[in-house]
């Protein structure tokens, strides 16, 4: 069988010593770069590194293996060591650190797919804040299809890895991918699995703090834009506080609320240290009311979208008057100083004279 790719072909008798098929491609003169061994190696590694069929490249008269031939994510977890996970993680994401979390599982039943995902142990050199698309790789029966399938939402774009399914055809197009119900179900399952892992690890305050300092600002985007997972993401958030050292959660804050306190109070700004010195906190400190200090850019948006947590409204201390009269505790600074105000005002008027009116 032969064809020049113009819609016609020829058939002729053929013989060969062993059963099999040879596919011979003749490249045009301006495409000879695709015959260079290093270029062929890059193509094979990108698209067919993990298929079971061995691929060899002729280099200097010898055939050299060009693909791994194994798919780590297809192996049972009991057969894969941490060293193999780390090696694959570094190869996949061009990273040099250790993964903070490794998620390896196989889904069978209504959906059939294998997944191997990693949460990096440190921020990548290329900031993930600018690129908002998830780059988790989609494979179909070990063959790489695309890393633009959006297998995870933008607020989990720091996760790297592979999802390999049997439920899609090998020739699926990117246009078809966006509309297929199978991929939508895989997305939901993978997202829920990552959230479950983060929830399980959030109980380790020290270990979770490392993750939060690297990717917390990105995770907060889920509260703003993902109504389906908003409550789950909110439970994973961590903050600096005016009352306690280190990171704290919304649930921990609610557990420390004063009797009579009706809301979760927050103060947004550029950095926690400056916020902790804000005079806007004085009245809250006098009453022993805790305020969460928000210092990421996204903090200007998500509290309004979340609205409340565990039935407690979220309120900024800078927006409108805050009534703390119902909070059990010491009198506020304003109440303590009310008796001295009549003595203070004449002194101020005398000092400032013509610079002020009343």
Protein backbone atom coordinates (compact mmCIF):
# COMPACT_ATOMS: atom_id res chain seq x y z
CA UNK A 1 0.00 0.00 0.00
CA UNK A 2 1.50 3.37 -0.95
CA UNK A 3 0.23 6.93 -1.07
CA UNK A 4 1.54 10.45 -1.52
CA UNK A 5 -1.19 11.80 0.75
CA UNK A 6 -3.20 13.37 -2.07
CA UNK A 7 -6.26 11.15 -1.79
CA UNK A 8 -5.05 8.24 -3.94
CA UNK A 9 -3.05 5.10 -3.21
CA UNK A 10 -1.70 1.97 -4.93
CA UNK A 11 -1.74 -1.70 -3.93
CA UNK A 12 0.91 -4.19 -5.01
CA UNK A 13 2.04 -7.69 -3.93
CA UNK A 14 4.43 -7.72 -0.99
CA UNK A 15 6.56 -10.31 0.78
CA UNK A 16 8.41 -10.37 4.06
CA UNK A 17 10.27 -12.96 6.09
CA UNK A 18 8.49 -12.31 9.42
CA UNK A 19 4.88 -11.35 10.16
CA UNK A 20 4.40 -7.66 10.89
CA UNK A 21 4.08 -4.25 9.30
CA UNK A 22 6.58 -1.65 8.16
CA UNK A 23 5.44 1.95 7.88
CA UNK A 24 7.91 4.01 5.85
CA UNK A 25 7.53 7.80 5.69
CA UNK A 26 9.42 9.91 3.15
CA UNK A 27 9.90 13.45 4.43
CA UNK A 28 10.01 16.53 2.25
CA UNK A 29 13.34 18.28 1.86
CA UNK A 30 12.36 21.17 4.13
CA UNK A 31 11.39 18.78 6.94
CA UNK A 32 14.64 16.87 7.38
CA UNK A 33 15.02 18.22 10.93
CA UNK A 34 12.44 15.63 11.98
CA UNK A 35 14.95 12.89 11.14
CA UNK A 36 17.52 14.17 13.61
CA UNK A 37 17.82 11.67 16.50
CA UNK A 38 17.47 14.24 19.28
CA UNK A 39 14.29 15.63 17.66
CA UNK A 40 12.83 12.15 17.27
CA UNK A 41 13.74 11.38 20.88
CA UNK A 42 11.89 14.48 22.11
CA UNK A 43 8.78 13.57 20.10
CA UNK A 44 8.73 9.99 21.37
CA UNK A 45 9.30 11.06 24.98
CA UNK A 46 6.46 13.58 24.79
CA UNK A 47 3.80 11.45 23.13
CA UNK A 48 4.66 7.76 23.56
CA UNK A 49 7.12 7.41 26.44
CA UNK A 50 4.88 5.09 28.47
CA UNK A 51 3.22 2.81 25.92
CA UNK A 52 4.17 -0.86 26.17
CA UNK A 53 5.35 -1.14 22.54
CA UNK A 54 9.15 -0.64 22.48
CA UNK A 55 10.37 2.21 20.28
CA UNK A 56 13.94 2.46 19.01
CA UNK A 57 15.78 5.23 17.17
CA UNK A 58 18.61 4.49 14.75
CA UNK A 59 21.69 6.44 15.80
CA UNK A 60 25.10 5.88 14.19
CA UNK A 61 23.97 2.57 12.73
CA UNK A 62 22.55 1.19 15.98
CA UNK A 63 19.01 1.02 17.34
CA UNK A 64 18.72 2.73 20.73
CA UNK A 65 15.67 2.40 23.01
CA UNK A 66 13.65 5.65 22.90
CA UNK A 67 10.78 5.11 25.35
CA UNK A 68 10.41 3.89 28.91
CA UNK A 69 7.78 1.33 27.96
CA UNK A 70 6.22 1.37 31.43
CA UNK A 71 3.57 3.53 33.04
CA UNK A 72 4.24 4.08 36.72
CA UNK A 73 0.64 5.09 37.40
CA UNK A 74 -0.58 1.70 36.11
CA UNK A 75 1.36 -0.21 38.75
CA UNK A 76 -0.16 -1.06 42.15
CA UNK A 77 0.92 1.34 44.90
CA UNK A 78 2.50 -1.55 46.78
CA UNK A 79 4.99 -2.04 43.93
CA UNK A 80 6.16 1.59 43.70
CA UNK A 81 8.70 3.06 46.10
CA UNK A 82 9.10 6.68 47.11
CA UNK A 83 12.29 6.94 45.08
CA UNK A 84 10.41 5.99 41.90
CA UNK A 85 7.67 8.50 42.70
CA UNK A 86 10.20 11.27 43.22
CA UNK A 87 12.07 10.44 40.02
CA UNK A 88 8.87 10.49 37.98
CA UNK A 89 7.72 13.72 39.68
CA UNK A 90 10.96 15.47 38.75
CA UNK A 91 10.88 14.14 35.19
CA UNK A 92 7.24 15.10 34.69
CA UNK A 93 7.38 18.65 36.03
CA UNK A 94 11.06 19.44 35.40
CA UNK A 95 11.34 19.98 39.16
CA UNK A 96 14.17 19.35 41.59
CA UNK A 97 12.48 19.13 45.00
CA UNK A 98 10.56 16.40 46.80
CA UNK A 99 6.77 16.25 46.36
CA UNK A 100 4.80 17.46 49.39
CA UNK A 101 2.00 14.97 48.64
CA UNK A 102 1.66 12.00 46.29
CA UNK A 103 -1.79 10.79 45.19
CA UNK A 104 -1.85 7.44 43.38
CA UNK A 105 -5.12 5.60 42.84
CA UNK A 106 -7.19 3.63 40.36
CA UNK A 107 -10.90 4.27 39.77
CA UNK A 108 -12.98 1.38 38.46
CA UNK A 109 -16.68 1.02 37.85
CA UNK A 110 -18.71 3.82 36.27
CA UNK A 111 -15.35 5.45 35.44
CA UNK A 112 -12.14 3.64 34.60
CA UNK A 113 -8.98 5.66 35.03
CA UNK A 114 -5.65 5.66 36.81
CA UNK A 115 -4.15 8.80 38.30
CA UNK A 116 -0.78 9.80 39.72
CA UNK A 117 -0.72 13.38 41.00
CA UNK A 118 1.78 15.39 43.01
CA UNK A 119 1.56 18.53 45.12
CA UNK A 120 5.01 20.18 44.84
CA UNK A 121 7.10 20.72 47.93
CA UNK A 122 8.09 24.25 46.91
CA UNK A 123 7.03 27.00 44.56
CA UNK A 124 8.17 26.46 40.96
CA UNK A 125 10.67 28.85 39.43
CA UNK A 126 8.00 29.91 36.94
CA UNK A 127 5.25 31.53 38.97
CA UNK A 128 1.93 29.68 38.77
CA UNK A 129 0.05 32.88 39.59
CA UNK A 130 0.37 34.11 35.99
CA UNK A 131 -0.61 30.87 34.20
CA UNK A 132 -4.10 29.90 35.32
CA UNK A 133 -4.64 26.64 33.40
CA UNK A 134 -4.09 23.23 34.94
CA UNK A 135 -1.38 21.23 33.15
CA UNK A 136 -2.21 17.74 34.41
CA UNK A 137 -1.56 15.38 31.51
CA UNK A 138 -4.38 13.35 29.96
CA UNK A 139 -3.42 9.92 28.61
CA UNK A 140 -5.66 7.42 26.86
CA UNK A 141 -4.42 3.86 27.28
CA UNK A 142 -0.94 5.18 28.16
CA UNK A 143 -0.73 7.40 25.07
CA UNK A 144 -0.33 11.10 25.83
CA UNK A 145 -3.21 13.16 24.40
CA UNK A 146 -2.92 16.69 25.83
CA UNK A 147 -1.97 18.71 28.89
CA UNK A 148 -4.72 21.23 28.12
CA UNK A 149 -7.76 19.15 29.11
CA UNK A 150 -8.39 21.21 32.27
CA UNK A 151 -8.49 18.11 34.46
CA UNK A 152 -8.27 20.31 37.56
CA UNK A 153 -9.77 23.77 38.14
CA UNK A 154 -7.48 26.84 37.95
CA UNK A 155 -7.32 27.10 41.74
CA UNK A 156 -5.58 23.68 41.84
CA UNK A 157 -3.19 24.46 38.99
CA UNK A 158 -0.15 23.87 41.18
CA UNK A 159 -0.88 20.10 41.08
CA UNK A 160 1.15 18.15 38.49
CA UNK A 161 0.65 14.61 37.27
CA UNK A 162 -1.07 12.18 34.93
CA UNK A 163 -4.61 10.87 34.46
CA UNK A 164 -4.92 7.83 32.18
CA UNK A 165 -8.33 6.59 31.07
CA UNK A 166 -9.79 3.71 29.08
CA UNK A 167 -13.07 5.52 28.45
CA UNK A 168 -11.98 7.83 25.62
CA UNK A 169 -10.91 6.98 22.04
CA UNK A 170 -7.27 7.47 21.09
CA UNK A 171 -8.19 9.87 18.30
CA UNK A 172 -10.26 12.17 20.53
CA UNK A 173 -9.85 15.81 19.52
CA UNK A 174 -9.42 18.78 21.84
CA UNK A 175 -12.74 20.17 20.64
CA UNK A 176 -14.51 16.89 21.49
CA UNK A 177 -12.80 16.74 24.88
CA UNK A 178 -14.45 19.92 26.09
CA UNK A 179 -17.94 18.54 25.49
CA UNK A 180 -17.63 14.88 26.44
CA UNK A 181 -19.51 13.86 29.63
CA UNK A 182 -16.78 11.31 30.45
CA UNK A 183 -14.15 13.99 30.91
CA UNK A 184 -16.51 16.09 33.03
CA UNK A 185 -17.00 13.14 35.40
CA UNK A 186 -13.25 12.50 35.53
CA UNK A 187 -12.64 16.17 36.36
CA UNK A 188 -15.12 16.04 39.24
CA UNK A 189 -13.66 12.81 40.62
CA UNK A 190 -10.06 14.05 40.42
CA UNK A 191 -10.91 17.43 42.01
CA UNK A 192 -12.74 15.77 44.90
CA UNK A 193 -9.83 13.38 45.46
CA UNK A 194 -7.33 16.26 45.69
CA UNK A 195 -9.60 18.14 48.11
CA UNK A 196 -9.92 15.02 50.28
CA UNK A 197 -6.13 14.70 50.41
CA UNK A 198 -5.68 18.33 51.41
CA UNK A 199 -8.36 17.98 54.09
CA UNK A 200 -6.65 14.88 55.49
CA UNK A 201 -3.27 16.61 55.60
CA UNK A 202 -4.58 19.86 57.05
CA UNK A 203 -4.67 18.23 60.48
CA UNK A 204 -0.86 18.29 60.56
CA UNK A 205 -0.40 21.98 61.38
CA UNK A 206 3.35 22.10 60.73
CA UNK A 207 3.27 20.13 57.47
CA UNK A 208 0.20 21.96 56.16
CA UNK A 209 1.80 25.33 56.93
CA UNK A 210 4.53 24.51 54.41
CA UNK A 211 1.94 23.82 51.73
CA UNK A 212 -0.10 26.90 52.64
CA UNK A 213 2.85 29.28 52.41
CA UNK A 214 3.58 27.98 48.90
CA UNK A 215 0.10 27.74 47.40
CA UNK A 216 -2.46 29.21 49.82
CA UNK A 217 -3.04 32.35 47.79
CA UNK A 218 -3.96 30.22 44.76
CA UNK A 219 -6.27 27.94 46.74
CA UNK A 220 -8.24 31.00 47.93
CA UNK A 221 -9.32 31.59 44.32
CA UNK A 222 -11.59 28.56 44.69
CA UNK A 223 -13.73 30.41 47.23
CA UNK A 224 -14.22 33.24 44.77
CA UNK A 225 -14.96 31.32 41.58
CA UNK A 226 -16.14 27.78 42.41
CA UNK A 227 -19.60 27.65 43.98
CA UNK A 228 -19.66 23.83 43.98
CA UNK A 229 -16.54 23.50 46.15
CA UNK A 230 -16.67 26.84 48.00
CA UNK A 231 -17.45 25.42 51.44
CA UNK A 232 -14.83 22.68 51.12
CA UNK A 233 -12.14 25.16 50.10
CA UNK A 234 -13.12 27.60 52.87
CA UNK A 235 -12.42 24.90 55.45
CA UNK A 236 -8.86 24.58 54.07
CA UNK A 237 -8.00 28.29 54.35
CA UNK A 238 -5.43 29.51 56.86
CA UNK A 239 -4.81 33.04 58.18
CA UNK A 240 -2.65 35.16 60.42
CA UNK A 241 -4.51 36.49 63.44
CA UNK A 242 -4.44 39.37 65.91
CA UNK A 243 -4.83 36.91 68.80
CA UNK A 244 -2.73 33.79 68.12
CA UNK A 245 0.68 32.94 66.69
CA UNK A 246 1.09 31.05 63.42
CA UNK A 247 -1.71 30.04 61.06
CA UNK A 248 -5.33 29.55 62.05
CA UNK A 249 -8.46 28.31 60.29
CA UNK A 250 -11.96 29.73 60.14
CA UNK A 251 -13.19 26.79 62.21
CA UNK A 252 -10.61 27.49 64.91
CA UNK A 253 -11.58 31.17 64.89
CA UNK A 254 -15.26 30.31 65.39
CA UNK A 255 -14.28 28.06 68.29
CA UNK A 256 -12.53 30.99 70.00
CA UNK A 257 -15.29 33.59 69.47
CA UNK A 258 -16.30 35.60 72.55
CA UNK A 259 -19.77 35.19 74.08
CA UNK A 260 -22.09 37.58 72.30
CA UNK A 261 -19.80 37.92 69.25
CA UNK A 262 -21.94 37.69 66.14
CA UNK A 263 -19.44 37.81 63.25
CA UNK A 264 -16.01 36.77 61.98
CA UNK A 265 -13.95 39.95 61.70
CA UNK A 266 -11.23 40.44 59.09
CA UNK A 267 -8.80 43.19 58.14
CA UNK A 268 -7.18 43.20 54.68
CA UNK A 269 -3.96 44.95 53.71
CA UNK A 270 -0.43 44.52 52.36
CA UNK A 271 1.25 42.39 55.03
CA UNK A 272 0.28 40.83 58.39
CA UNK A 273 2.86 42.74 60.47
CA UNK A 274 1.56 46.12 59.34
CA UNK A 275 -2.03 44.98 59.84
CA UNK A 276 -1.23 43.79 63.38
CA UNK A 277 -0.19 47.37 64.27
CA UNK A 278 -3.29 48.97 62.77
CA UNK A 279 -5.14 51.38 65.09
CA UNK A 280 -8.36 49.90 63.69
CA UNK A 281 -7.72 46.88 65.93
CA UNK A 282 -7.58 48.80 69.21
CA UNK A 283 -11.29 48.59 70.02
CA UNK A 284 -11.31 44.86 69.17
CA UNK A 285 -8.29 44.16 71.37
CA UNK A 286 -9.89 46.02 74.27
CA UNK A 287 -12.87 43.66 74.02
CA UNK A 288 -10.66 40.61 73.41
CA UNK A 289 -12.19 40.13 69.93
CA UNK A 290 -9.94 38.32 67.44
CA UNK A 291 -9.44 39.72 63.91
CA UNK A 292 -8.08 37.72 60.96
CA UNK A 293 -5.32 39.51 59.05
CA UNK A 294 -5.58 39.07 55.26
CA UNK A 295 -2.55 39.99 53.18
CA UNK A 296 -3.04 38.39 49.72
CA UNK A 297 -4.43 40.25 46.71
CA UNK A 298 -7.32 37.79 46.39
CA UNK A 299 -8.37 38.69 49.97
CA UNK A 300 -10.04 41.81 48.62
CA UNK A 301 -12.62 39.63 46.85
CA UNK A 302 -13.36 36.21 48.31
CA UNK A 303 -14.83 37.20 51.76
CA UNK A 304 -17.76 38.90 50.06
CA UNK A 305 -18.41 35.84 47.88
CA UNK A 306 -18.21 33.40 50.82
CA UNK A 307 -20.40 35.61 52.99
CA UNK A 308 -20.39 33.42 56.10
CA UNK A 309 -18.81 30.36 57.66
CA UNK A 310 -20.65 27.95 59.98
CA UNK A 311 -23.48 30.46 60.19
CA UNK A 312 -21.24 33.37 61.21
CA UNK A 313 -21.14 36.34 58.78
CA UNK A 314 -17.71 37.57 57.66
CA UNK A 315 -17.27 41.33 58.18
CA UNK A 316 -14.43 43.70 57.48
CA UNK A 317 -13.51 46.01 60.36
CA UNK A 318 -13.04 48.83 57.83
CA UNK A 319 -16.50 48.72 56.26
CA UNK A 320 -19.12 50.47 58.36
CA UNK A 321 -19.42 50.83 62.11
CA UNK A 322 -18.92 47.64 64.10
CA UNK A 323 -21.09 47.24 67.18
CA UNK A 324 -19.19 45.33 69.89
CA UNK A 325 -21.56 46.25 72.71
CA UNK A 326 -22.96 42.70 72.88
CA UNK A 327 -19.53 41.11 73.26
CA UNK A 328 -18.79 40.03 76.83
CA UNK A 329 -15.55 41.62 77.95
CA UNK A 330 -13.91 44.81 79.05
CA UNK A 331 -15.30 48.17 77.95
CA UNK A 332 -13.98 49.51 74.73
CA UNK A 333 -11.31 52.19 74.65
CA UNK A 334 -13.93 54.73 73.57
CA UNK A 335 -16.13 53.99 76.56
CA UNK A 336 -13.22 54.20 79.03
CA UNK A 337 -12.18 57.60 77.72
CA UNK A 338 -15.61 59.19 77.49
CA UNK A 339 -15.32 60.93 80.89
CA UNK A 340 -12.06 62.66 79.90
CA UNK A 341 -13.28 63.86 76.51
CA UNK A 342 -14.74 67.13 77.90
CA UNK A 343 -11.31 68.06 79.22
CA UNK A 344 -9.48 66.98 76.05
CA UNK A 345 -11.48 69.00 73.49
CA UNK A 346 -10.75 72.49 74.97
CA UNK A 347 -7.06 71.63 75.15
CA UNK A 348 -7.06 70.61 71.47
CA UNK A 349 -8.92 73.79 70.45
CA UNK A 350 -6.44 75.92 72.37
CA UNK A 351 -3.45 74.16 70.81
CA UNK A 352 -4.73 74.26 67.24
CA UNK A 353 -6.46 77.69 67.40
CA UNK A 354 -7.22 79.04 63.94
CA UNK A 355 -6.32 75.74 62.21
CA UNK A 356 -9.62 74.13 63.17
CA UNK A 357 -13.21 75.28 63.63
CA UNK A 358 -15.29 73.07 65.95
